[in-house]
């Protein structure tokens, strides 16, 4: 039975880390989208000028 407790703890840890990791990825994507939308026009005008 000592292995059962370890297995349950591992499952809980995996679930928690997966949730945190996915939340972090979502936050990073939102920052990237905001950066892209705020700088797209600048990059397009720079590309035309070259």
C-alpha atoms as a PDB file:
ATOM      1  CA  UNK A   1       0.000   0.000   0.000  1.00  0.00           C
ATOM      2  CA  UNK A   2       2.858   2.507   0.356  1.00  0.00           C
ATOM      3  CA  UNK A   3       3.064   2.696  -3.437  1.00  0.00           C
ATOM      4  CA  UNK A   4      -0.576   3.720  -3.698  1.00  0.00           C
ATOM      5  CA  UNK A   5       0.063   6.954  -1.787  1.00  0.00           C
ATOM      6  CA  UNK A   6       3.044   7.749  -4.005  1.00  0.00           C
ATOM      7  CA  UNK A   7       1.004   7.102  -7.135  1.00  0.00           C
ATOM      8  CA  UNK A   8      -1.801   9.368  -5.926  1.00  0.00           C
ATOM      9  CA  UNK A   9       0.677  12.126  -5.016  1.00  0.00           C
ATOM     10  CA  UNK A  10       2.315  11.831  -8.418  1.00  0.00           C
ATOM     11  CA  UNK A  11      -1.053  12.093 -10.155  1.00  0.00           C
ATOM     12  CA  UNK A  12      -2.011  15.189  -8.176  1.00  0.00           C
ATOM     13  CA  UNK A  13       1.363  16.792  -8.845  1.00  0.00           C
ATOM     14  CA  UNK A  14       1.107  16.026 -12.550  1.00  0.00           C
ATOM     15  CA  UNK A  15      -2.373  17.529 -12.761  1.00  0.00           C
ATOM     16  CA  UNK A  16      -1.364  20.679 -10.892  1.00  0.00           C
ATOM     17  CA  UNK A  17       1.773  21.221 -12.968  1.00  0.00           C
ATOM     18  CA  UNK A  18      -0.129  20.621 -16.193  1.00  0.00           C
ATOM     19  CA  UNK A  19      -2.709  23.259 -15.224  1.00  0.00           C
ATOM     20  CA  UNK A  20       0.002  25.755 -14.278  1.00  0.00           C
ATOM     21  CA  UNK A  21       1.995  25.040 -17.436  1.00  0.00           C
ATOM     22  CA  UNK A  22      -1.024  25.476 -19.690  1.00  0.00           C
ATOM     23  CA  UNK A  23      -1.977  28.714 -17.927  1.00  0.00           C
ATOM     24  CA  UNK A  24       1.564  30.013 -18.436  1.00  0.00           C
ATOM     25  CA  UNK A  25       1.498  29.122 -22.133  1.00  0.00           C
ATOM     26  CA  UNK A  26      -1.889  30.863 -22.534  1.00  0.00           C
ATOM     27  CA  UNK A  27      -0.526  33.987 -20.826  1.00  0.00           C
ATOM     28  CA  UNK A  28       2.546  33.996 -23.069  1.00  0.00           C
ATOM     29  CA  UNK A  29       0.356  33.649 -26.163  1.00  0.00           C
ATOM     30  CA  UNK A  30      -1.774  36.605 -25.069  1.00  0.00           C
ATOM     31  CA  UNK A  31       1.345  38.755 -24.612  1.00  0.00           C
ATOM     32  CA  UNK A  32       2.627  37.713 -28.027  1.00  0.00           C
ATOM     33  CA  UNK A  33      -0.712  38.507 -29.682  1.00  0.00           C
ATOM     34  CA  UNK A  34      -0.759  41.944 -28.036  1.00  0.00           C
ATOM     35  CA  UNK A  35       2.812  42.642 -29.136  1.00  0.00           C
ATOM     36  CA  UNK A  36       2.121  41.532 -32.687  1.00  0.00           C
ATOM     37  CA  UNK A  37      -1.019  43.622 -32.994  1.00  0.00           C
ATOM     38  CA  UNK A  38       0.696  46.730 -31.625  1.00  0.00           C
ATOM     39  CA  UNK A  39       3.804  46.464 -33.830  1.00  0.00           C
ATOM     40  CA  UNK A  40       2.394  45.034 -37.085  1.00  0.00           C
ATOM     41  CA  UNK A  41       1.906  48.415 -38.705  1.00  0.00           C
ATOM     42  CA  UNK A  42       5.434  49.527 -37.820  1.00  0.00           C
ATOM     43  CA  UNK A  43       6.942  46.382 -39.356  1.00  0.00           C
ATOM     44  CA  UNK A  44       4.858  46.712 -42.523  1.00  0.00           C
ATOM     45  CA  UNK A  45       5.908  50.323 -43.096  1.00  0.00           C
ATOM     46  CA  UNK A  46       9.535  49.450 -42.398  1.00  0.00           C
ATOM     47  CA  UNK A  47       9.395  46.576 -44.907  1.00  0.00           C
ATOM     48  CA  UNK A  48       7.990  48.896 -47.602  1.00  0.00           C
ATOM     49  CA  UNK A  49      10.645  51.512 -46.979  1.00  0.00           C
ATOM     50  CA  UNK A  50      13.475  49.028 -47.529  1.00  0.00           C
END
